[in-house]
PDB file of N, CA and C in Angstrom:
ATOM      1  N   MET A   1      46.423  44.333  19.534  1.00  0.00           N
ATOM      2  CA  MET A   1      46.615  43.686  20.814  1.00  0.00           C
ATOM      3  C   MET A   1      45.711  44.456  21.739  1.00  0.00           C
ATOM      4  N   VAL A   2      44.899  43.802  22.567  1.00  0.00           N
ATOM      5  CA  VAL A   2      43.958  44.336  23.511  1.00  0.00           C
ATOM      6  C   VAL A   2      44.648  44.354  24.904  1.00  0.00           C
ATOM      7  N   GLU A   3      44.628  45.446  25.461  1.00  0.00           N
ATOM      8  CA  GLU A   3      45.235  45.503  26.876  1.00  0.00           C
ATOM      9  C   GLU A   3      44.195  45.312  27.909  1.00  0.00           C
ATOM     10  N   MET A   4      44.569  44.400  28.791  1.00  0.00           N
ATOM     11  CA  MET A   4      43.652  44.114  29.944  1.00  0.00           C
ATOM     12  C   MET A   4      43.958  44.917  31.058  1.00  0.00           C
ATOM     13  N   GLY A   5      42.866  45.716  31.623  1.00  0.00           N
ATOM     14  CA  GLY A   5      43.041  46.473  32.782  1.00  0.00           C
ATOM     15  C   GLY A   5      42.977  45.628  34.125  1.00  0.00           C
ATOM     16  N   THR A   6      43.236  46.237  35.113  1.00  0.00           N
ATOM     17  CA  THR A   6      43.222  45.536  36.440  1.00  0.00           C
ATOM     18  C   THR A   6      41.735  45.760  36.930  1.00  0.00           C
ATOM     19  N   PHE A   7      41.264  44.862  37.660  1.00  0.00           N
ATOM     20  CA  PHE A   7      39.952  44.991  38.201  1.00  0.00           C
ATOM     21  C   PHE A   7      40.018  44.762  39.701  1.00  0.00           C
ATOM     22  N   GLU A   8      39.367  45.649  40.453  1.00  0.00           N
ATOM     23  CA  GLU A   8      39.387  45.526  41.839  1.00  0.00           C
ATOM     24  C   GLU A   8      38.037  44.749  42.145  1.00  0.00           C
ATOM     25  N   THR A   9      38.113  43.745  42.953  1.00  0.00           N
ATOM     26  CA  THR A   9      37.017  43.042  43.463  1.00  0.00           C
ATOM     27  C   THR A   9      36.956  43.066  45.039  1.00  0.00           C
ATOM     28  N   ASN A  10      35.736  43.361  45.561  1.00  0.00           N
ATOM     29  CA  ASN A  10      35.491  43.384  46.872  1.00  0.00           C
ATOM     30  C   ASN A  10      34.669  42.255  47.249  1.00  0.00           C
ATOM     31  N   THR A  11      34.717  41.158  46.525  1.00  0.00           N
ATOM     32  CA  THR A  11      33.894  39.948  46.979  1.00  0.00           C
ATOM     33  C   THR A  11      34.664  39.198  47.974  1.00  0.00           C
ATOM     34  N   VAL A  12      34.000  38.671  48.871  1.00  0.00           N
ATOM     35  CA  VAL A  12      34.535  37.857  50.057  1.00  0.00           C
ATOM     36  C   VAL A  12      33.871  36.521  49.763  1.00  0.00           C
ATOM     37  N   ALA A  13      34.727  35.476  49.750  1.00  0.00           N
ATOM     38  CA  ALA A  13      34.202  34.195  49.602  1.00  0.00           C
ATOM     39  C   ALA A  13      33.436  33.789  50.750  1.00  0.00           C
ATOM     40  N   ALA A  14      32.254  33.101  50.378  1.00  0.00           N
ATOM     41  CA  ALA A  14      31.400  32.610  51.435  1.00  0.00           C
ATOM     42  C   ALA A  14      32.098  31.452  52.180  1.00  0.00           C
ATOM     43  N   PRO A  15      31.992  31.574  53.532  1.00  0.00           N
ATOM     44  CA  PRO A  15      32.665  30.386  54.298  1.00  0.00           C
ATOM     45  C   PRO A  15      32.093  29.082  53.997  1.00  0.00           C
ATOM     46  N   VAL A  16      32.852  28.055  54.112  1.00  0.00           N
ATOM     47  CA  VAL A  16      32.415  26.691  53.747  1.00  0.00           C
ATOM     48  C   VAL A  16      32.353  25.999  55.084  1.00  0.00           C
ATOM     49  N   LEU A  17      31.228  25.101  55.255  1.00  0.00           N
ATOM     50  CA  LEU A  17      31.181  24.354  56.411  1.00  0.00           C
ATOM     51  C   LEU A  17      32.313  23.243  56.584  1.00  0.00           C
ATOM     52  N   SER A  18      32.625  22.953  57.696  1.00  0.00           N
ATOM     53  CA  SER A  18      33.588  21.845  57.916  1.00  0.00           C
ATOM     54  C   SER A  18      32.992  20.598  57.421  1.00  0.00           C
ATOM     55  N   ALA A  19      33.825  19.586  57.065  1.00  0.00           N
ATOM     56  CA  ALA A  19      33.275  18.322  56.643  1.00  0.00           C
ATOM     57  C   ALA A  19      32.397  17.656  57.610  1.00  0.00           C
ATOM     58  N   LEU A  20      32.843  17.734  58.847  1.00  0.00           N
ATOM     59  CA  LEU A  20      32.072  17.156  60.004  1.00  0.00           C
ATOM     60  C   LEU A  20      30.632  17.744  60.112  1.00  0.00           C
ATOM     61  N   THR A  21      30.606  19.092  60.100  1.00  0.00           N
ATOM     62  CA  THR A  21      29.341  19.779  60.183  1.00  0.00           C
ATOM     63  C   THR A  21      28.585  19.500  58.984  1.00  0.00           C
ATOM     64  N   ARG A  22      29.118  19.487  57.729  1.00  0.00           N
ATOM     65  CA  ARG A  22      28.410  19.215  56.505  1.00  0.00           C
ATOM     66  C   ARG A  22      27.620  17.730  56.636  1.00  0.00           C
ATOM     67  N   ARG A  23      28.468  16.707  57.047  1.00  0.00           N
ATOM     68  CA  ARG A  23      27.919  15.385  57.146  1.00  0.00           C
ATOM     69  C   ARG A  23      26.805  15.318  58.213  1.00  0.00           C
ATOM     70  N   ALA A  24      27.025  15.892  59.321  1.00  0.00           N
ATOM     71  CA  ALA A  24      25.922  16.065  60.287  1.00  0.00           C
ATOM     72  C   ALA A  24      24.713  16.667  59.881  1.00  0.00           C
ATOM     73  N   LEU A  25      24.857  17.798  59.217  1.00  0.00           N
ATOM     74  CA  LEU A  25      23.711  18.528  58.612  1.00  0.00           C
ATOM     75  C   LEU A  25      22.829  17.632  57.625  1.00  0.00           C
ATOM     76  N   ASP A  26      23.657  17.022  56.683  1.00  0.00           N
ATOM     77  CA  ASP A  26      22.928  16.248  55.748  1.00  0.00           C
ATOM     78  C   ASP A  26      22.303  14.977  56.388  1.00  0.00           C
ATOM     79  N   ARG A  27      22.856  14.447  57.410  1.00  0.00           N
ATOM     80  CA  ARG A  27      22.318  13.186  58.063  1.00  0.00           C
ATOM     81  C   ARG A  27      21.035  13.768  58.865  1.00  0.00           C
ATOM     82  N   HIS A  28      21.059  14.807  59.545  1.00  0.00           N
ATOM     83  CA  HIS A  28      19.858  15.276  60.264  1.00  0.00           C
ATOM     84  C   HIS A  28      18.700  15.791  59.284  1.00  0.00           C
ATOM     85  N   ILE A  29      19.152  16.336  58.141  1.00  0.00           N
ATOM     86  CA  ILE A  29      18.086  16.676  57.212  1.00  0.00           C
ATOM     87  C   ILE A  29      17.390  15.304  56.697  1.00  0.00           C
ATOM     88  N   TRP A  30      18.219  14.380  56.433  1.00  0.00           N
ATOM     89  CA  TRP A  30      17.659  13.014  55.955  1.00  0.00           C
ATOM     90  C   TRP A  30      16.652  12.385  56.968  1.00  0.00           C
ATOM     91  N   HIS A  31      17.198  12.453  58.271  1.00  0.00           N
ATOM     92  CA  HIS A  31      16.216  11.975  59.351  1.00  0.00           C
ATOM     93  C   HIS A  31      14.961  12.721  59.477  1.00  0.00           C
ATOM     94  N   SER A  32      15.064  14.025  59.340  1.00  0.00           N
ATOM     95  CA  SER A  32      13.882  14.921  59.454  1.00  0.00           C
ATOM     96  C   SER A  32      12.974  14.703  58.204  1.00  0.00           C
ATOM     97  N   LEU A  33      13.569  14.545  57.024  1.00  0.00           N
ATOM     98  CA  LEU A  33      12.714  14.155  55.863  1.00  0.00           C
ATOM     99  C   LEU A  33      11.994  12.804  56.106  1.00  0.00           C
ATOM    100  N   ARG A  34      12.618  11.935  56.793  1.00  0.00           N
ATOM    101  CA  ARG A  34      11.935  10.627  57.051  1.00  0.00           C
ATOM    102  C   ARG A  34      11.073  10.611  58.274  1.00  0.00           C
ATOM    103  N   ARG A  35      11.032  11.758  59.031  1.00  0.00           N
ATOM    104  CA  ARG A  35      10.351  11.940  60.169  1.00  0.00           C
ATOM    105  C   ARG A  35      10.673  10.977  61.250  1.00  0.00           C
ATOM    106  N   ARG A  36      11.902  10.848  61.522  1.00  0.00           N
ATOM    107  CA  ARG A  36      12.512   9.994  62.520  1.00  0.00           C
ATOM    108  C   ARG A  36      12.251  10.553  63.805  1.00  0.00           C
ATOM    109  N   PHE A  37      11.937   9.803  64.851  1.00  0.00           N
ATOM    110  CA  PHE A  37      11.698  10.282  66.233  1.00  0.00           C
ATOM    111  C   PHE A  37      13.112  11.037  66.734  1.00  0.00           C
ATOM    112  N   GLY A  38      12.873  12.187  67.245  1.00  0.00           N
ATOM    113  CA  GLY A  38      13.999  12.965  67.803  1.00  0.00           C
ATOM    114  C   GLY A  38      14.710  13.717  66.770  1.00  0.00           C
ATOM    115  N   ALA A  39      14.312  13.673  65.502  1.00  0.00           N
ATOM    116  CA  ALA A  39      15.135  14.250  64.431  1.00  0.00           C
ATOM    117  C   ALA A  39      15.101  15.781  64.538  1.00  0.00           C
ATOM    118  N   GLY A  40      13.978  16.379  65.041  1.00  0.00           N
ATOM    119  CA  GLY A  40      13.917  17.857  65.153  1.00  0.00           C
ATOM    120  C   GLY A  40      14.892  18.456  66.173  1.00  0.00           C
ATOM    121  N   THR A  41      14.944  17.775  67.316  1.00  0.00           N
ATOM    122  CA  THR A  41      15.995  18.169  68.321  1.00  0.00           C
ATOM    123  C   THR A  41      17.436  18.134  67.785  1.00  0.00           C
ATOM    124  N   ASN A  42      17.681  16.982  67.216  1.00  0.00           N
ATOM    125  CA  ASN A  42      19.125  16.854  66.687  1.00  0.00           C
ATOM    126  C   ASN A  42      19.366  17.874  65.577  1.00  0.00           C
ATOM    127  N   LEU A  43      18.349  18.118  64.781  1.00  0.00           N
ATOM    128  CA  LEU A  43      18.585  19.092  63.569  1.00  0.00           C
ATOM    129  C   LEU A  43      18.797  20.430  64.195  1.00  0.00           C
ATOM    130  N   ARG A  44      17.988  20.841  65.146  1.00  0.00           N
ATOM    131  CA  ARG A  44      18.137  22.071  65.796  1.00  0.00           C
ATOM    132  C   ARG A  44      19.521  22.339  66.301  1.00  0.00           C
ATOM    133  N   GLU A  45      20.102  21.315  67.024  1.00  0.00           N
ATOM    134  CA  GLU A  45      21.495  21.393  67.558  1.00  0.00           C
ATOM    135  C   GLU A  45      22.433  21.546  66.340  1.00  0.00           C
ATOM    136  N   CYS A  46      22.165  20.871  65.249  1.00  0.00           N
ATOM    137  CA  CYS A  46      23.055  20.926  64.165  1.00  0.00           C
ATOM    138  C   CYS A  46      22.990  22.330  63.440  1.00  0.00           C
ATOM    139  N   VAL A  47      21.840  22.928  63.393  1.00  0.00           N
ATOM    140  CA  VAL A  47      21.650  24.314  62.805  1.00  0.00           C
ATOM    141  C   VAL A  47      22.504  25.173  63.736  1.00  0.00           C
ATOM    142  N   HIS A  48      22.350  25.095  65.098  1.00  0.00           N
ATOM    143  CA  HIS A  48      23.157  25.826  66.036  1.00  0.00           C
ATOM    144  C   HIS A  48      24.668  25.748  65.637  1.00  0.00           C
ATOM    145  N   ARG A  49      25.067  24.575  65.418  1.00  0.00           N
ATOM    146  CA  ARG A  49      26.459  24.420  65.082  1.00  0.00           C
ATOM    147  C   ARG A  49      26.864  25.132  63.809  1.00  0.00           C
ATOM    148  N   VAL A  50      25.924  25.092  62.807  1.00  0.00           N
ATOM    149  CA  VAL A  50      26.170  25.727  61.509  1.00  0.00           C
ATOM    150  C   VAL A  50      26.239  27.228  61.711  1.00  0.00           C
ATOM    151  N   VAL A  51      25.276  27.805  62.564  1.00  0.00           N
ATOM    152  CA  VAL A  51      25.345  29.241  62.885  1.00  0.00           C
ATOM    153  C   VAL A  51      26.570  29.647  63.496  1.00  0.00           C
ATOM    154  N   LEU A  52      27.063  28.969  64.464  1.00  0.00           N
ATOM    155  CA  LEU A  52      28.228  29.334  65.275  1.00  0.00           C
ATOM    156  C   LEU A  52      29.453  29.198  64.338  1.00  0.00           C
ATOM    157  N   GLU A  53      29.448  28.161  63.569  1.00  0.00           N
ATOM    158  CA  GLU A  53      30.661  27.965  62.584  1.00  0.00           C
ATOM    159  C   GLU A  53      30.678  29.086  61.628  1.00  0.00           C
ATOM    160  N   PHE A  54      29.549  29.482  60.952  1.00  0.00           N
ATOM    161  CA  PHE A  54      29.567  30.577  59.991  1.00  0.00           C
ATOM    162  C   PHE A  54      29.781  31.820  60.655  1.00  0.00           C
ATOM    163  N   ALA A  55      29.197  32.095  61.868  1.00  0.00           N
ATOM    164  CA  ALA A  55      29.481  33.331  62.610  1.00  0.00           C
ATOM    165  C   ALA A  55      30.868  33.588  62.950  1.00  0.00           C
ATOM    166  N   GLY A  56      31.466  32.411  63.291  1.00  0.00           N
ATOM    167  CA  GLY A  56      32.944  32.429  63.650  1.00  0.00           C
ATOM    168  C   GLY A  56      33.822  32.852  62.437  1.00  0.00           C
ATOM    169  N   HIS A  57      33.268  32.637  61.209  1.00  0.00           N
ATOM    170  CA  HIS A  57      34.017  33.120  60.072  1.00  0.00           C
ATOM    171  C   HIS A  57      33.587  34.543  59.631  1.00  0.00           C
ATOM    172  N   GLY A  58      32.619  35.178  60.369  1.00  0.00           N
ATOM    173  CA  GLY A  58      32.157  36.423  60.030  1.00  0.00           C
ATOM    174  C   GLY A  58      31.127  36.540  59.000  1.00  0.00           C
ATOM    175  N   ALA A  59      30.428  35.340  58.744  1.00  0.00           N
ATOM    176  CA  ALA A  59      29.386  35.369  57.677  1.00  0.00           C
ATOM    177  C   ALA A  59      28.123  36.192  58.208  1.00  0.00           C
ATOM    178  N   SER A  60      27.347  36.623  57.163  1.00  0.00           N
ATOM    179  CA  SER A  60      26.257  37.377  57.591  1.00  0.00           C
ATOM    180  C   SER A  60      25.074  36.367  57.734  1.00  0.00           C
ATOM    181  N   LEU A  61      23.915  36.873  58.193  1.00  0.00           N
ATOM    182  CA  LEU A  61      22.736  36.066  58.425  1.00  0.00           C
ATOM    183  C   LEU A  61      22.258  35.688  57.007  1.00  0.00           C
ATOM    184  N   GLY A  62      22.366  36.450  56.019  1.00  0.00           N
ATOM    185  CA  GLY A  62      22.021  36.005  54.742  1.00  0.00           C
ATOM    186  C   GLY A  62      22.736  34.879  54.249  1.00  0.00           C
ATOM    187  N   ALA A  63      24.036  34.814  54.433  1.00  0.00           N
ATOM    188  CA  ALA A  63      24.921  33.713  54.008  1.00  0.00           C
ATOM    189  C   ALA A  63      24.515  32.445  54.745  1.00  0.00           C
ATOM    190  N   ILE A  64      24.187  32.514  56.036  1.00  0.00           N
ATOM    191  CA  ILE A  64      23.835  31.417  56.787  1.00  0.00           C
ATOM    192  C   ILE A  64      22.532  30.921  56.303  1.00  0.00           C
ATOM    193  N   ARG A  65      21.437  31.758  56.052  1.00  0.00           N
ATOM    194  CA  ARG A  65      20.172  31.353  55.503  1.00  0.00           C
ATOM    195  C   ARG A  65      20.336  30.718  54.123  1.00  0.00           C
ATOM    196  N   ALA A  66      21.146  31.268  53.232  1.00  0.00           N
ATOM    197  CA  ALA A  66      21.302  30.614  51.992  1.00  0.00           C
ATOM    198  C   ALA A  66      21.883  29.283  52.018  1.00  0.00           C
ATOM    199  N   GLU A  67      22.876  29.007  52.926  1.00  0.00           N
ATOM    200  CA  GLU A  67      23.444  27.723  53.086  1.00  0.00           C
ATOM    201  C   GLU A  67      22.412  26.732  53.629  1.00  0.00           C
ATOM    202  N   LEU A  68      21.670  27.148  54.475  1.00  0.00           N
ATOM    203  CA  LEU A  68      20.595  26.116  55.017  1.00  0.00           C
ATOM    204  C   LEU A  68      19.508  25.848  53.906  1.00  0.00           C
ATOM    205  N   ILE A  69      19.064  26.884  53.168  1.00  0.00           N
ATOM    206  CA  ILE A  69      18.158  26.513  52.195  1.00  0.00           C
ATOM    207  C   ILE A  69      18.760  25.691  51.054  1.00  0.00           C
ATOM    208  N   ARG A  70      19.965  25.959  50.685  1.00  0.00           N
ATOM    209  CA  ARG A  70      20.665  25.150  49.723  1.00  0.00           C
ATOM    210  C   ARG A  70      20.841  23.640  50.214  1.00  0.00           C
ATOM    211  N   SER A  71      21.147  23.563  51.463  1.00  0.00           N
ATOM    212  CA  SER A  71      21.382  22.220  52.113  1.00  0.00           C
ATOM    213  C   SER A  71      20.140  21.245  52.103  1.00  0.00           C
ATOM    214  N   VAL A  72      18.918  21.969  52.134  1.00  0.00           N
ATOM    215  CA  VAL A  72      17.636  21.119  52.098  1.00  0.00           C
ATOM    216  C   VAL A  72      17.307  20.969  50.728  1.00  0.00           C
ATOM    217  N   MET A  73      17.218  21.994  49.773  1.00  0.00           N
ATOM    218  CA  MET A  73      16.758  21.883  48.436  1.00  0.00           C
ATOM    219  C   MET A  73      17.691  21.045  47.613  1.00  0.00           C
ATOM    220  N   GLN A  74      18.939  21.016  47.893  1.00  0.00           N
ATOM    221  CA  GLN A  74      19.904  20.201  47.080  1.00  0.00           C
ATOM    222  C   GLN A  74      20.248  18.853  47.811  1.00  0.00           C
ATOM    223  N   HIS A  75      19.555  18.524  48.766  1.00  0.00           N
ATOM    224  CA  HIS A  75      19.870  17.268  49.481  1.00  0.00           C
ATOM    225  C   HIS A  75      19.508  16.066  48.590  1.00  0.00           C
ATOM    226  N   PRO A  76      20.338  15.071  48.452  1.00  0.00           N
ATOM    227  CA  PRO A  76      20.080  14.001  47.494  1.00  0.00           C
ATOM    228  C   PRO A  76      18.824  13.161  47.713  1.00  0.00           C
ATOM    229  N   GLN A  77      18.290  13.196  49.002  1.00  0.00           N
ATOM    230  CA  GLN A  77      17.090  12.383  49.269  1.00  0.00           C
ATOM    231  C   GLN A  77      15.735  13.237  49.178  1.00  0.00           C
ATOM    232  N   VAL A  78      15.847  14.572  48.895  1.00  0.00           N
ATOM    233  CA  VAL A  78      14.675  15.376  48.960  1.00  0.00           C
ATOM    234  C   VAL A  78      13.672  15.012  47.901  1.00  0.00           C
ATOM    235  N   HIS A  79      14.012  14.506  46.790  1.00  0.00           N
ATOM    236  CA  HIS A  79      13.165  14.048  45.790  1.00  0.00           C
ATOM    237  C   HIS A  79      12.368  12.876  46.058  1.00  0.00           C
ATOM    238  N   HIS A  80      13.058  11.947  46.807  1.00  0.00           N
ATOM    239  CA  HIS A  80      12.548  10.752  47.128  1.00  0.00           C
ATOM    240  C   HIS A  80      11.603  10.733  48.504  1.00  0.00           C
ATOM    241  N   LEU A  81      12.014  11.616  49.479  1.00  0.00           N
ATOM    242  CA  LEU A  81      11.219  11.728  50.724  1.00  0.00           C
ATOM    243  C   LEU A  81      10.363  12.785  50.925  1.00  0.00           C
ATOM    244  N   ASP A  82      10.344  13.759  50.038  1.00  0.00           N
ATOM    245  CA  ASP A  82       9.566  14.929  50.146  1.00  0.00           C
ATOM    246  C   ASP A  82       8.117  14.689  49.889  1.00  0.00           C
ATOM    247  N   ARG A  83       7.221  14.991  50.806  1.00  0.00           N
ATOM    248  CA  ARG A  83       5.747  14.776  50.705  1.00  0.00           C
ATOM    249  C   ARG A  83       4.965  16.021  50.980  1.00  0.00           C
ATOM    250  N   VAL A  84       3.776  16.063  50.500  1.00  0.00           N
ATOM    251  CA  VAL A  84       2.929  17.178  50.751  1.00  0.00           C
ATOM    252  C   VAL A  84       1.944  16.868  51.718  1.00  0.00           C
ATOM    253  N   SER A  85       1.775  17.817  52.894  1.00  0.00           N
ATOM    254  CA  SER A  85       0.857  17.587  53.771  1.00  0.00           C
ATOM    255  C   SER A  85      -0.595  17.732  53.318  1.00  0.00           C
ATOM    256  N   ILE A  86      -1.461  16.827  53.662  1.00  0.00           N
ATOM    257  CA  ILE A  86      -2.872  16.966  53.290  1.00  0.00           C
ATOM    258  C   ILE A  86      -3.556  18.063  53.988  1.00  0.00           C
ATOM    259  N   VAL A  87      -3.073  18.257  55.245  1.00  0.00           N
ATOM    260  CA  VAL A  87      -3.700  19.322  56.101  1.00  0.00           C
ATOM    261  C   VAL A  87      -3.315  20.829  55.615  1.00  0.00           C
ATOM    262  N   THR A  88      -1.893  21.021  55.508  1.00  0.00           N
ATOM    263  CA  THR A  88      -1.414  22.350  55.221  1.00  0.00           C
ATOM    264  C   THR A  88      -1.149  22.580  53.808  1.00  0.00           C
ATOM    265  N   GLY A  89      -0.971  21.544  52.959  1.00  0.00           N
ATOM    266  CA  GLY A  89      -0.724  21.703  51.572  1.00  0.00           C
ATOM    267  C   GLY A  89       0.811  22.042  51.415  1.00  0.00           C
ATOM    268  N   GLU A  90       1.583  21.969  52.424  1.00  0.00           N
ATOM    269  CA  GLU A  90       2.984  22.410  52.352  1.00  0.00           C
ATOM    270  C   GLU A  90       3.947  21.104  52.249  1.00  0.00           C
ATOM    271  N   SER A  91       4.948  21.230  51.483  1.00  0.00           N
ATOM    272  CA  SER A  91       5.841  20.104  51.402  1.00  0.00           C
ATOM    273  C   SER A  91       6.682  19.959  52.590  1.00  0.00           C
ATOM    274  N   THR A  92       7.141  18.739  52.882  1.00  0.00           N
ATOM    275  CA  THR A  92       8.071  18.530  53.933  1.00  0.00           C
ATOM    276  C   THR A  92       9.317  19.458  53.986  1.00  0.00           C
ATOM    277  N   SER A  93       9.899  19.525  52.779  1.00  0.00           N
ATOM    278  CA  SER A  93      11.108  20.240  52.689  1.00  0.00           C
ATOM    279  C   SER A  93      10.882  21.726  52.985  1.00  0.00           C
ATOM    280  N   THR A  94       9.626  22.318  52.567  1.00  0.00           N
ATOM    281  CA  THR A  94       9.347  23.721  52.744  1.00  0.00           C
ATOM    282  C   THR A  94       9.244  23.931  54.197  1.00  0.00           C
ATOM    283  N   ALA A  95       8.539  23.018  54.872  1.00  0.00           N
ATOM    284  CA  ALA A  95       8.339  23.138  56.378  1.00  0.00           C
ATOM    285  C   ALA A  95       9.578  23.134  57.125  1.00  0.00           C
ATOM    286  N   LEU A  96      10.417  22.132  56.598  1.00  0.00           N
ATOM    287  CA  LEU A  96      11.716  21.908  57.305  1.00  0.00           C
ATOM    288  C   LEU A  96      12.663  23.146  57.108  1.00  0.00           C
ATOM    289  N   THR A  97      12.720  23.649  55.890  1.00  0.00           N
ATOM    290  CA  THR A  97      13.426  24.876  55.653  1.00  0.00           C
ATOM    291  C   THR A  97      12.985  26.077  56.488  1.00  0.00           C
ATOM    292  N   ARG A  98      11.626  26.232  56.486  1.00  0.00           N
ATOM    293  CA  ARG A  98      11.173  27.358  57.289  1.00  0.00           C
ATOM    294  C   ARG A  98      11.517  27.253  58.831  1.00  0.00           C
ATOM    295  N   GLN A  99      11.459  26.092  59.313  1.00  0.00           N
ATOM    296  CA  GLN A  99      11.852  25.795  60.726  1.00  0.00           C
ATOM    297  C   GLN A  99      13.251  26.050  60.965  1.00  0.00           C
ATOM    298  N   MET A 100      14.175  25.532  60.070  1.00  0.00           N
ATOM    299  CA  MET A 100      15.508  25.700  60.144  1.00  0.00           C
ATOM    300  C   MET A 100      15.938  27.192  60.096  1.00  0.00           C
ATOM    301  N   LEU A 101      15.291  27.946  59.241  1.00  0.00           N
ATOM    302  CA  LEU A 101      15.581  29.386  59.086  1.00  0.00           C
ATOM    303  C   LEU A 101      15.110  30.150  60.365  1.00  0.00           C
ATOM    304  N   GLU A 102      14.075  29.839  60.988  1.00  0.00           N
ATOM    305  CA  GLU A 102      13.571  30.369  62.142  1.00  0.00           C
ATOM    306  C   GLU A 102      14.592  30.074  63.291  1.00  0.00           C
ATOM    307  N   TRP A 103      15.006  28.856  63.397  1.00  0.00           N
ATOM    308  CA  TRP A 103      16.097  28.597  64.442  1.00  0.00           C
ATOM    309  C   TRP A 103      17.370  29.455  64.214  1.00  0.00           C
ATOM    310  N   ALA A 104      17.687  29.473  62.917  1.00  0.00           N
ATOM    311  CA  ALA A 104      19.032  30.175  62.562  1.00  0.00           C
ATOM    312  C   ALA A 104      18.764  31.681  62.992  1.00  0.00           C
ATOM    313  N   ASP A 105      17.642  32.213  62.636  1.00  0.00           N
ATOM    314  CA  ASP A 105      17.495  33.682  63.018  1.00  0.00           C
ATOM    315  C   ASP A 105      17.541  33.934  64.462  1.00  0.00           C
ATOM    316  N   ASN A 106      16.895  33.041  65.208  1.00  0.00           N
ATOM    317  CA  ASN A 106      16.909  33.175  66.697  1.00  0.00           C
ATOM    318  C   ASN A 106      18.278  33.006  67.299  1.00  0.00           C
ATOM    319  N   LEU A 107      18.994  32.007  66.798  1.00  0.00           N
ATOM    320  CA  LEU A 107      20.378  31.827  67.249  1.00  0.00           C
ATOM    321  C   LEU A 107      21.320  32.801  66.874  1.00  0.00           C
ATOM    322  N   HIS A 108      21.194  33.425  65.613  1.00  0.00           N
ATOM    323  CA  HIS A 108      22.040  34.500  65.071  1.00  0.00           C
ATOM    324  C   HIS A 108      21.804  35.718  65.947  1.00  0.00           C
ATOM    325  N   ASP A 109      20.473  36.016  66.376  1.00  0.00           N
ATOM    326  CA  ASP A 109      20.243  37.122  67.234  1.00  0.00           C
ATOM    327  C   ASP A 109      20.880  37.053  68.508  1.00  0.00           C
ATOM    328  N   LEU A 110      20.885  35.752  69.124  1.00  0.00           N
ATOM    329  CA  LEU A 110      21.447  35.581  70.309  1.00  0.00           C
ATOM    330  C   LEU A 110      22.980  35.726  70.434  1.00  0.00           C
ATOM    331  N   THR A 111      23.632  35.124  69.238  1.00  0.00           N
ATOM    332  CA  THR A 111      25.108  35.355  69.105  1.00  0.00           C
ATOM    333  C   THR A 111      25.441  36.781  68.917  1.00  0.00           C
ATOM    334  N   GLU A 112      24.717  37.493  68.207  1.00  0.00           N
ATOM    335  CA  GLU A 112      25.057  38.974  68.038  1.00  0.00           C
ATOM    336  C   GLU A 112      24.787  39.802  69.222  1.00  0.00           C
ATOM    337  N   SER A 113      23.975  39.378  70.067  1.00  0.00           N
ATOM    338  CA  SER A 113      23.753  40.148  71.281  1.00  0.00           C
ATOM    339  C   SER A 113      24.612  39.886  72.485  1.00  0.00           C
ATOM    340  N   ARG A 114      25.354  38.696  72.349  1.00  0.00           N
ATOM    341  CA  ARG A 114      26.323  38.398  73.329  1.00  0.00           C
ATOM    342  C   ARG A 114      27.557  39.442  73.324  1.00  0.00           C
ATOM    343  N   PRO A 115      28.043  39.692  74.530  1.00  0.00           N
ATOM    344  CA  PRO A 115      29.218  40.642  74.447  1.00  0.00           C
ATOM    345  C   PRO A 115      30.369  39.831  73.988  1.00  0.00           C
ATOM    346  N   ARG A 116      31.237  40.458  73.088  1.00  0.00           N
ATOM    347  CA  ARG A 116      32.409  39.835  72.652  1.00  0.00           C
ATOM    348  C   ARG A 116      33.512  39.732  73.709  1.00  0.00           C
ATOM    349  N   MET A 117      34.178  38.623  73.725  1.00  0.00           N
ATOM    350  CA  MET A 117      35.276  38.241  74.654  1.00  0.00           C
ATOM    351  C   MET A 117      36.511  38.967  74.110  1.00  0.00           C
ATOM    352  N   ARG A 118      37.165  39.725  74.907  1.00  0.00           N
ATOM    353  CA  ARG A 118      38.468  40.345  74.586  1.00  0.00           C
ATOM    354  C   ARG A 118      39.614  39.272  74.754  1.00  0.00           C
ATOM    355  N   GLN A 119      40.547  39.278  73.831  1.00  0.00           N
ATOM    356  CA  GLN A 119      41.693  38.392  73.881  1.00  0.00           C
ATOM    357  C   GLN A 119      42.697  38.995  74.735  1.00  0.00           C
ATOM    358  N   ILE A 120      43.243  38.202  75.677  1.00  0.00           N
ATOM    359  CA  ILE A 120      44.260  38.793  76.542  1.00  0.00           C
ATOM    360  C   ILE A 120      45.613  38.338  76.022  1.00  0.00           C
ATOM    361  N   GLY A 121      46.576  39.232  75.861  1.00  0.00           N
ATOM    362  CA  GLY A 121      47.864  38.985  75.481  1.00  0.00           C
ATOM    363  C   GLY A 121      48.409  39.760  74.403  1.00  0.00           C
TER     364      GLY A 121
END
């Protein structure tokens, strides 16, 4: 009989986006892949929501970035709507991901530099 030892794990489960934020992110990625008017502004606001939601759960910038990359690359419409720019040679999904990561980096820096509010009570 083999004895099983106990194992300590220090892994923390990555936070999961709320259903509302997940649907909004998927919708705005879809609009951006289709190059709909105003899609960039709406997507930026949605990325802001994602950063705030993840930061509220104590997630690192790396976890936020990984979620945004996964959201674009695993989007169901990316294979149908992704195009390569003749001018830059960059795919729409790559450019979109790069822009989203830049927004997330900037927003994360802003949220980290804000003074924390103390709870009263």
